[in-house]
């Protein structure tokens, strides 16, 4: 599996795509200074740093860069009240007489919780491409990689259908071709995580992706960090408050 840098900040994802073997020592030094030591390694940077821009120009044939900036349709708004966008909807419902709640915001952003007998499920809107999601969450996932016994569900461009395989196999394939991933679910012991790609709808409207987790234990700070790093702006800015409120529902 590719090596990932775990970092929550930055807006430029850089992946080394070629080996510098046989090229100049200076070029190898630049890649090393960027923290890129082998093909497939990923780093996240602040693209406004002049030094980073200069280094990337020197090695542009050996890296792929992807902007993590949010789509303009959700990063800004024509509304004069865009700095204080109000919650648009609050929907309470039940699953087998157990509580569930979905909160809706502008630009199709949402976050929801569903409570089951032995576990709970959280889901929220995301604008991140899969490679960025993977890099921003790896330190919040279980330290031990999923084994061949855990299940993984993967959908990629060109597949035609969802494929059920081992968690290790699904995660490894997704990490090799992150730009082609449409959906991924990985089952760890006592935790499952999911990600679905954002997309453009007919007419150009933006459709957020979806990130989520299913867990037995409620770890409020861990889940708040996960939401803050991966959710769309309205959800991310409310991460801790949302998780605290959901925690009260889960413990009912």
C-alpha atoms as a PDB file:
ATOM      1  CA  UNK A   1       0.000   0.000   0.000  1.00  0.00           C
ATOM      2  CA  UNK A   2       1.250   3.506  -0.694  1.00  0.00           C
ATOM      3  CA  UNK A   3       2.822   5.438   2.164  1.00  0.00           C
ATOM      4  CA  UNK A   4       0.680   8.290   3.435  1.00  0.00           C
ATOM      5  CA  UNK A   5       1.522  11.362   5.424  1.00  0.00           C
ATOM      6  CA  UNK A   6      -1.117  11.912   8.074  1.00  0.00           C
ATOM      7  CA  UNK A   7      -1.893  15.611   8.168  1.00  0.00           C
ATOM      8  CA  UNK A   8      -5.122  17.529   8.516  1.00  0.00           C
ATOM      9  CA  UNK A   9      -4.058  20.917   7.169  1.00  0.00           C
ATOM     10  CA  UNK A  10      -3.140  22.210   3.719  1.00  0.00           C
ATOM     11  CA  UNK A  11      -4.897  22.523   0.404  1.00  0.00           C
ATOM     12  CA  UNK A  12      -2.547  20.880  -2.109  1.00  0.00           C
ATOM     13  CA  UNK A  13      -2.145  17.107  -2.362  1.00  0.00           C
ATOM     14  CA  UNK A  14       1.151  16.002  -3.946  1.00  0.00           C
ATOM     15  CA  UNK A  15       1.836  12.415  -5.049  1.00  0.00           C
ATOM     16  CA  UNK A  16       5.204  11.170  -6.332  1.00  0.00           C
ATOM     17  CA  UNK A  17       4.547   9.428  -9.641  1.00  0.00           C
ATOM     18  CA  UNK A  18       8.066   8.583 -10.918  1.00  0.00           C
ATOM     19  CA  UNK A  19      11.370   7.439  -9.490  1.00  0.00           C
ATOM     20  CA  UNK A  20      14.275   9.933  -9.656  1.00  0.00           C
ATOM     21  CA  UNK A  21      16.838   7.141 -10.084  1.00  0.00           C
ATOM     22  CA  UNK A  22      19.171   8.060 -12.933  1.00  0.00           C
ATOM     23  CA  UNK A  23      18.413  11.767 -12.617  1.00  0.00           C
ATOM     24  CA  UNK A  24      20.419  14.565 -11.020  1.00  0.00           C
ATOM     25  CA  UNK A  25      21.361  14.666  -7.360  1.00  0.00           C
ATOM     26  CA  UNK A  26      19.744  18.104  -7.066  1.00  0.00           C
ATOM     27  CA  UNK A  27      16.390  16.751  -8.235  1.00  0.00           C
ATOM     28  CA  UNK A  28      16.569  13.909  -5.714  1.00  0.00           C
ATOM     29  CA  UNK A  29      17.362  16.416  -2.968  1.00  0.00           C
ATOM     30  CA  UNK A  30      14.287  18.495  -3.846  1.00  0.00           C
ATOM     31  CA  UNK A  31      12.017  15.435  -3.686  1.00  0.00           C
ATOM     32  CA  UNK A  32      13.547  14.443  -0.366  1.00  0.00           C
ATOM     33  CA  UNK A  33      13.055  17.948   1.037  1.00  0.00           C
ATOM     34  CA  UNK A  34       9.367  17.648   0.119  1.00  0.00           C
ATOM     35  CA  UNK A  35       9.199  14.394   2.083  1.00  0.00           C
ATOM     36  CA  UNK A  36       8.811  12.321  -1.096  1.00  0.00           C
ATOM     37  CA  UNK A  37      11.129   9.322  -1.040  1.00  0.00           C
ATOM     38  CA  UNK A  38       9.375   6.757  -3.211  1.00  0.00           C
ATOM     39  CA  UNK A  39       6.775   6.410  -5.933  1.00  0.00           C
ATOM     40  CA  UNK A  40       3.214   6.619  -4.592  1.00  0.00           C
ATOM     41  CA  UNK A  41       4.094   8.615  -1.475  1.00  0.00           C
ATOM     42  CA  UNK A  42       1.645  11.413  -0.643  1.00  0.00           C
ATOM     43  CA  UNK A  43       2.116  14.763   1.110  1.00  0.00           C
ATOM     44  CA  UNK A  44      -0.214  17.703   1.784  1.00  0.00           C
ATOM     45  CA  UNK A  45       1.060  21.289   1.558  1.00  0.00           C
ATOM     46  CA  UNK A  46      -0.183  24.850   1.757  1.00  0.00           C
ATOM     47  CA  UNK A  47      -0.088  25.926  -1.890  1.00  0.00           C
ATOM     48  CA  UNK A  48       0.313  29.576  -0.898  1.00  0.00           C
ATOM     49  CA  UNK A  49       3.847  28.947   0.376  1.00  0.00           C
ATOM     50  CA  UNK A  50       6.259  30.406  -2.254  1.00  0.00           C
ATOM     51  CA  UNK A  51       9.021  27.935  -1.374  1.00  0.00           C
ATOM     52  CA  UNK A  52       6.712  24.966  -1.985  1.00  0.00           C
ATOM     53  CA  UNK A  53       5.608  26.363  -5.344  1.00  0.00           C
ATOM     54  CA  UNK A  54       9.227  26.732  -6.435  1.00  0.00           C
ATOM     55  CA  UNK A  55      10.187  23.221  -5.364  1.00  0.00           C
ATOM     56  CA  UNK A  56       7.187  21.683  -7.116  1.00  0.00           C
ATOM     57  CA  UNK A  57       8.067  23.467 -10.355  1.00  0.00           C
ATOM     58  CA  UNK A  58      11.530  21.862 -10.238  1.00  0.00           C
ATOM     59  CA  UNK A  59      10.085  18.336  -9.932  1.00  0.00           C
ATOM     60  CA  UNK A  60       6.827  18.728 -11.863  1.00  0.00           C
ATOM     61  CA  UNK A  61       7.613  15.721 -14.090  1.00  0.00           C
ATOM     62  CA  UNK A  62       7.867  13.467 -11.029  1.00  0.00           C
ATOM     63  CA  UNK A  63       4.755  14.459  -9.092  1.00  0.00           C
ATOM     64  CA  UNK A  64       1.008  14.866  -9.515  1.00  0.00           C
ATOM     65  CA  UNK A  65      -0.683  17.751  -7.742  1.00  0.00           C
ATOM     66  CA  UNK A  66      -4.364  17.938  -6.788  1.00  0.00           C
ATOM     67  CA  UNK A  67      -6.081  20.942  -5.264  1.00  0.00           C
ATOM     68  CA  UNK A  68      -8.066  20.258  -2.107  1.00  0.00           C
ATOM     69  CA  UNK A  69      -9.856  23.591  -2.367  1.00  0.00           C
ATOM     70  CA  UNK A  70     -13.613  23.247  -2.030  1.00  0.00           C
ATOM     71  CA  UNK A  71     -15.838  23.770  -5.074  1.00  0.00           C
ATOM     72  CA  UNK A  72     -16.665  27.435  -5.512  1.00  0.00           C
ATOM     73  CA  UNK A  73     -20.358  26.622  -5.200  1.00  0.00           C
ATOM     74  CA  UNK A  74     -19.854  25.780  -1.518  1.00  0.00           C
ATOM     75  CA  UNK A  75     -16.711  27.757  -0.674  1.00  0.00           C
ATOM     76  CA  UNK A  76     -18.531  31.025  -1.395  1.00  0.00           C
ATOM     77  CA  UNK A  77     -22.106  32.216  -1.700  1.00  0.00           C
ATOM     78  CA  UNK A  78     -23.878  35.045  -3.470  1.00  0.00           C
ATOM     79  CA  UNK A  79     -26.023  35.553  -0.385  1.00  0.00           C
ATOM     80  CA  UNK A  80     -25.133  38.571   1.763  1.00  0.00           C
ATOM     81  CA  UNK A  81     -25.695  36.367   4.794  1.00  0.00           C
ATOM     82  CA  UNK A  82     -23.237  33.694   3.636  1.00  0.00           C
ATOM     83  CA  UNK A  83     -21.053  34.163   6.725  1.00  0.00           C
ATOM     84  CA  UNK A  84     -23.910  33.092   8.963  1.00  0.00           C
ATOM     85  CA  UNK A  85     -25.781  30.461   6.972  1.00  0.00           C
ATOM     86  CA  UNK A  86     -28.629  29.058   9.015  1.00  0.00           C
ATOM     87  CA  UNK A  87     -29.537  25.439   9.470  1.00  0.00           C
ATOM     88  CA  UNK A  88     -32.174  24.613   6.856  1.00  0.00           C
ATOM     89  CA  UNK A  89     -33.759  21.530   8.319  1.00  0.00           C
ATOM     90  CA  UNK A  90     -33.959  19.200  11.301  1.00  0.00           C
ATOM     91  CA  UNK A  91     -35.536  15.807  10.725  1.00  0.00           C
ATOM     92  CA  UNK A  92     -36.189  13.410  13.596  1.00  0.00           C
ATOM     93  CA  UNK A  93     -37.154   9.831  12.786  1.00  0.00           C
ATOM     94  CA  UNK A  94     -36.949   6.366  14.302  1.00  0.00           C
ATOM     95  CA  UNK A  95     -35.317   3.066  13.375  1.00  0.00           C
ATOM     96  CA  UNK A  96     -36.893   0.233  15.311  1.00  0.00           C
ATOM     97  CA  UNK A  97     -38.094   2.692  17.969  1.00  0.00           C
ATOM     98  CA  UNK A  98     -34.578   4.081  18.349  1.00  0.00           C
ATOM     99  CA  UNK A  99     -33.815   7.764  17.652  1.00  0.00           C
ATOM    100  CA  UNK A 100     -32.260   9.183  14.489  1.00  0.00           C
ATOM    101  CA  UNK A 101     -31.604  12.780  13.460  1.00  0.00           C
ATOM    102  CA  UNK A 102     -30.589  14.465  10.197  1.00  0.00           C
ATOM    103  CA  UNK A 103     -29.485  18.135  10.062  1.00  0.00           C
ATOM    104  CA  UNK A 104     -29.495  19.899   6.691  1.00  0.00           C
ATOM    105  CA  UNK A 105     -27.602  23.059   5.714  1.00  0.00           C
ATOM    106  CA  UNK A 106     -26.980  25.206   2.629  1.00  0.00           C
ATOM    107  CA  UNK A 107     -25.383  23.731  -0.517  1.00  0.00           C
ATOM    108  CA  UNK A 108     -26.819  20.247   0.192  1.00  0.00           C
ATOM    109  CA  UNK A 109     -24.598  19.817   3.248  1.00  0.00           C
ATOM    110  CA  UNK A 110     -25.890  17.425   5.919  1.00  0.00           C
ATOM    111  CA  UNK A 111     -24.912  15.403   8.965  1.00  0.00           C
ATOM    112  CA  UNK A 112     -26.941  12.619  10.545  1.00  0.00           C
ATOM    113  CA  UNK A 113     -26.895   9.993  13.293  1.00  0.00           C
ATOM    114  CA  UNK A 114     -28.798   6.710  13.540  1.00  0.00           C
ATOM    115  CA  UNK A 115     -28.868   4.604  16.701  1.00  0.00           C
ATOM    116  CA  UNK A 116     -29.189   0.826  16.616  1.00  0.00           C
ATOM    117  CA  UNK A 117     -29.248  -1.783  19.384  1.00  0.00           C
ATOM    118  CA  UNK A 118     -25.500  -2.429  19.630  1.00  0.00           C
ATOM    119  CA  UNK A 119     -23.977   0.331  17.502  1.00  0.00           C
ATOM    120  CA  UNK A 120     -24.553   3.736  15.952  1.00  0.00           C
ATOM    121  CA  UNK A 121     -23.946   5.237  12.496  1.00  0.00           C
ATOM    122  CA  UNK A 122     -22.750   8.756  11.608  1.00  0.00           C
ATOM    123  CA  UNK A 123     -22.766  10.226   8.080  1.00  0.00           C
ATOM    124  CA  UNK A 124     -21.891  13.680   6.745  1.00  0.00           C
ATOM    125  CA  UNK A 125     -21.307  15.565   3.506  1.00  0.00           C
ATOM    126  CA  UNK A 126     -17.764  15.755   2.140  1.00  0.00           C
ATOM    127  CA  UNK A 127     -16.131  17.575  -0.768  1.00  0.00           C
ATOM    128  CA  UNK A 128     -12.787  15.751  -0.601  1.00  0.00           C
ATOM    129  CA  UNK A 129     -11.391  13.518  -3.332  1.00  0.00           C
ATOM    130  CA  UNK A 130     -10.522  10.080  -2.021  1.00  0.00           C
ATOM    131  CA  UNK A 131      -6.756  10.665  -1.946  1.00  0.00           C
ATOM    132  CA  UNK A 132      -7.267  13.689   0.309  1.00  0.00           C
ATOM    133  CA  UNK A 133      -9.720  11.794   2.519  1.00  0.00           C
ATOM    134  CA  UNK A 134      -7.185   8.994   2.956  1.00  0.00           C
ATOM    135  CA  UNK A 135      -4.334  11.363   3.795  1.00  0.00           C
ATOM    136  CA  UNK A 136      -6.393  13.379   6.280  1.00  0.00           C
ATOM    137  CA  UNK A 137      -7.815  10.430   8.198  1.00  0.00           C
ATOM    138  CA  UNK A 138      -5.101   7.785   8.386  1.00  0.00           C
ATOM    139  CA  UNK A 139      -4.000   8.766  11.907  1.00  0.00           C
ATOM    140  CA  UNK A 140      -7.610   8.497  13.125  1.00  0.00           C
ATOM    141  CA  UNK A 141      -8.107   4.977  11.782  1.00  0.00           C
ATOM    142  CA  UNK A 142      -7.091   1.821  13.696  1.00  0.00           C
ATOM    143  CA  UNK A 143      -3.295   1.501  13.737  1.00  0.00           C
ATOM    144  CA  UNK A 144      -3.456  -2.053  12.455  1.00  0.00           C
ATOM    145  CA  UNK A 145      -4.420  -2.294   8.776  1.00  0.00           C
ATOM    146  CA  UNK A 146      -7.558  -4.315   7.989  1.00  0.00           C
ATOM    147  CA  UNK A 147      -6.819  -8.012   7.608  1.00  0.00           C
ATOM    148  CA  UNK A 148      -7.969 -10.420   4.936  1.00  0.00           C
ATOM    149  CA  UNK A 149     -10.721 -11.503   7.330  1.00  0.00           C
ATOM    150  CA  UNK A 150     -12.356  -8.055   7.437  1.00  0.00           C
ATOM    151  CA  UNK A 151     -14.676  -7.108   4.582  1.00  0.00           C
ATOM    152  CA  UNK A 152     -14.177  -4.318   2.074  1.00  0.00           C
ATOM    153  CA  UNK A 153     -16.595  -2.996  -0.547  1.00  0.00           C
ATOM    154  CA  UNK A 154     -15.132  -1.068  -3.474  1.00  0.00           C
ATOM    155  CA  UNK A 155     -16.507   0.645  -6.575  1.00  0.00           C
ATOM    156  CA  UNK A 156     -14.204   2.234  -9.158  1.00  0.00           C
ATOM    157  CA  UNK A 157     -14.595   3.774 -12.582  1.00  0.00           C
ATOM    158  CA  UNK A 158     -14.656   1.019 -15.177  1.00  0.00           C
ATOM    159  CA  UNK A 159     -15.736  -1.674 -12.717  1.00  0.00           C
ATOM    160  CA  UNK A 160     -19.439  -1.536 -13.529  1.00  0.00           C
ATOM    161  CA  UNK A 161     -20.472  -2.732 -10.065  1.00  0.00           C
ATOM    162  CA  UNK A 162     -19.510  -2.790  -6.409  1.00  0.00           C
ATOM    163  CA  UNK A 163     -17.011  -5.539  -5.548  1.00  0.00           C
ATOM    164  CA  UNK A 164     -16.952  -7.237  -2.149  1.00  0.00           C
ATOM    165  CA  UNK A 165     -13.447  -8.283  -1.177  1.00  0.00           C
ATOM    166  CA  UNK A 166     -11.146  -8.252   1.847  1.00  0.00           C
ATOM    167  CA  UNK A 167     -10.606  -4.991   3.706  1.00  0.00           C
ATOM    168  CA  UNK A 168      -6.876  -5.160   2.999  1.00  0.00           C
ATOM    169  CA  UNK A 169      -7.439  -5.780  -0.705  1.00  0.00           C
ATOM    170  CA  UNK A 170      -9.997  -2.994  -1.100  1.00  0.00           C
ATOM    171  CA  UNK A 171      -7.855  -0.415   0.692  1.00  0.00           C
ATOM    172  CA  UNK A 172      -4.701  -1.392  -1.202  1.00  0.00           C
ATOM    173  CA  UNK A 173      -6.376  -1.126  -4.613  1.00  0.00           C
ATOM    174  CA  UNK A 174      -8.056   2.162  -3.709  1.00  0.00           C
ATOM    175  CA  UNK A 175      -4.713   3.628  -2.596  1.00  0.00           C
ATOM    176  CA  UNK A 176      -3.096   2.676  -5.921  1.00  0.00           C
ATOM    177  CA  UNK A 177      -5.784   4.362  -8.047  1.00  0.00           C
ATOM    178  CA  UNK A 178      -7.396   6.968  -5.748  1.00  0.00           C
ATOM    179  CA  UNK A 179      -8.695   9.167  -8.573  1.00  0.00           C
ATOM    180  CA  UNK A 180     -10.857   6.282  -9.850  1.00  0.00           C
ATOM    181  CA  UNK A 181     -12.504   5.409  -6.526  1.00  0.00           C
ATOM    182  CA  UNK A 182     -16.266   6.021  -6.417  1.00  0.00           C
ATOM    183  CA  UNK A 183     -17.151   4.223  -3.191  1.00  0.00           C
ATOM    184  CA  UNK A 184     -15.245   2.452  -0.425  1.00  0.00           C
ATOM    185  CA  UNK A 185     -16.289   0.721   2.774  1.00  0.00           C
ATOM    186  CA  UNK A 186     -13.718  -0.844   5.096  1.00  0.00           C
ATOM    187  CA  UNK A 187     -14.675  -2.989   8.089  1.00  0.00           C
ATOM    188  CA  UNK A 188     -12.262  -2.973  11.016  1.00  0.00           C
ATOM    189  CA  UNK A 189     -13.009  -4.784  14.286  1.00  0.00           C
ATOM    190  CA  UNK A 190     -15.691  -2.680  16.031  1.00  0.00           C
ATOM    191  CA  UNK A 191     -15.516   0.066  13.372  1.00  0.00           C
ATOM    192  CA  UNK A 192     -16.551   0.509   9.730  1.00  0.00           C
ATOM    193  CA  UNK A 193     -15.779   3.586   7.615  1.00  0.00           C
ATOM    194  CA  UNK A 194     -17.305   4.634   4.293  1.00  0.00           C
ATOM    195  CA  UNK A 195     -16.611   7.239   1.619  1.00  0.00           C
ATOM    196  CA  UNK A 196     -18.562   8.133  -1.551  1.00  0.00           C
ATOM    197  CA  UNK A 197     -17.247  10.547  -4.180  1.00  0.00           C
ATOM    198  CA  UNK A 198     -18.620  14.076  -4.704  1.00  0.00           C
ATOM    199  CA  UNK A 199     -20.011  14.626  -8.191  1.00  0.00           C
ATOM    200  CA  UNK A 200     -21.468  17.099 -10.663  1.00  0.00           C
ATOM    201  CA  UNK A 201     -25.179  16.696 -11.372  1.00  0.00           C
ATOM    202  CA  UNK A 202     -26.918  17.516 -14.635  1.00  0.00           C
ATOM    203  CA  UNK A 203     -27.002  21.245 -15.157  1.00  0.00           C
ATOM    204  CA  UNK A 204     -23.702  21.686 -13.342  1.00  0.00           C
ATOM    205  CA  UNK A 205     -25.064  21.552  -9.789  1.00  0.00           C
ATOM    206  CA  UNK A 206     -22.646  20.147  -7.247  1.00  0.00           C
ATOM    207  CA  UNK A 207     -23.571  16.998  -5.312  1.00  0.00           C
ATOM    208  CA  UNK A 208     -21.562  16.435  -2.123  1.00  0.00           C
ATOM    209  CA  UNK A 209     -20.015  13.098  -1.408  1.00  0.00           C
ATOM    210  CA  UNK A 210     -20.683  11.209   1.791  1.00  0.00           C
ATOM    211  CA  UNK A 211     -18.369  10.056   4.536  1.00  0.00           C
ATOM    212  CA  UNK A 212     -19.446   7.985   7.468  1.00  0.00           C
ATOM    213  CA  UNK A 213     -18.677   5.506  10.198  1.00  0.00           C
ATOM    214  CA  UNK A 214     -20.370   2.699  12.094  1.00  0.00           C
ATOM    215  CA  UNK A 215     -19.028   2.014  15.571  1.00  0.00           C
ATOM    216  CA  UNK A 216     -19.875   0.366  18.875  1.00  0.00           C
ATOM    217  CA  UNK A 217     -18.218   2.930  21.164  1.00  0.00           C
ATOM    218  CA  UNK A 218     -18.728   6.697  21.073  1.00  0.00           C
ATOM    219  CA  UNK A 219     -15.374   8.538  21.121  1.00  0.00           C
ATOM    220  CA  UNK A 220     -16.482  12.157  20.879  1.00  0.00           C
ATOM    221  CA  UNK A 221     -13.087  13.850  20.332  1.00  0.00           C
ATOM    222  CA  UNK A 222     -11.985  11.286  17.748  1.00  0.00           C
ATOM    223  CA  UNK A 223     -15.190  11.540  15.744  1.00  0.00           C
ATOM    224  CA  UNK A 224     -15.192  15.341  15.997  1.00  0.00           C
ATOM    225  CA  UNK A 225     -11.652  15.442  14.558  1.00  0.00           C
ATOM    226  CA  UNK A 226     -12.709  13.109  11.755  1.00  0.00           C
ATOM    227  CA  UNK A 227     -15.681  15.287  10.827  1.00  0.00           C
ATOM    228  CA  UNK A 228     -13.707  18.536  11.119  1.00  0.00           C
ATOM    229  CA  UNK A 229     -11.044  17.234   8.719  1.00  0.00           C
ATOM    230  CA  UNK A 230     -13.321  15.720   6.105  1.00  0.00           C
ATOM    231  CA  UNK A 231     -16.716  17.451   6.155  1.00  0.00           C
ATOM    232  CA  UNK A 232     -17.950  20.362   4.052  1.00  0.00           C
ATOM    233  CA  UNK A 233     -17.533  23.841   5.646  1.00  0.00           C
ATOM    234  CA  UNK A 234     -20.839  24.220   7.492  1.00  0.00           C
ATOM    235  CA  UNK A 235     -20.504  20.768   9.038  1.00  0.00           C
ATOM    236  CA  UNK A 236     -16.774  21.023   9.798  1.00  0.00           C
ATOM    237  CA  UNK A 237     -17.224  24.342  11.609  1.00  0.00           C
ATOM    238  CA  UNK A 238     -19.819  22.737  13.887  1.00  0.00           C
ATOM    239  CA  UNK A 239     -18.052  19.387  14.360  1.00  0.00           C
ATOM    240  CA  UNK A 240     -17.605  19.387  18.115  1.00  0.00           C
ATOM    241  CA  UNK A 241     -21.078  20.761  18.852  1.00  0.00           C
ATOM    242  CA  UNK A 242     -22.719  18.289  16.482  1.00  0.00           C
ATOM    243  CA  UNK A 243     -20.850  15.344  17.973  1.00  0.00           C
ATOM    244  CA  UNK A 244     -21.690  16.415  21.528  1.00  0.00           C
ATOM    245  CA  UNK A 245     -25.387  16.693  20.619  1.00  0.00           C
ATOM    246  CA  UNK A 246     -25.347  13.329  18.843  1.00  0.00           C
ATOM    247  CA  UNK A 247     -23.617  11.809  21.877  1.00  0.00           C
ATOM    248  CA  UNK A 248     -26.613  12.698  24.021  1.00  0.00           C
ATOM    249  CA  UNK A 249     -28.910  10.981  21.517  1.00  0.00           C
ATOM    250  CA  UNK A 250     -26.763   7.849  21.368  1.00  0.00           C
ATOM    251  CA  UNK A 251     -26.658   7.530  25.176  1.00  0.00           C
ATOM    252  CA  UNK A 252     -30.435   7.813  25.554  1.00  0.00           C
END
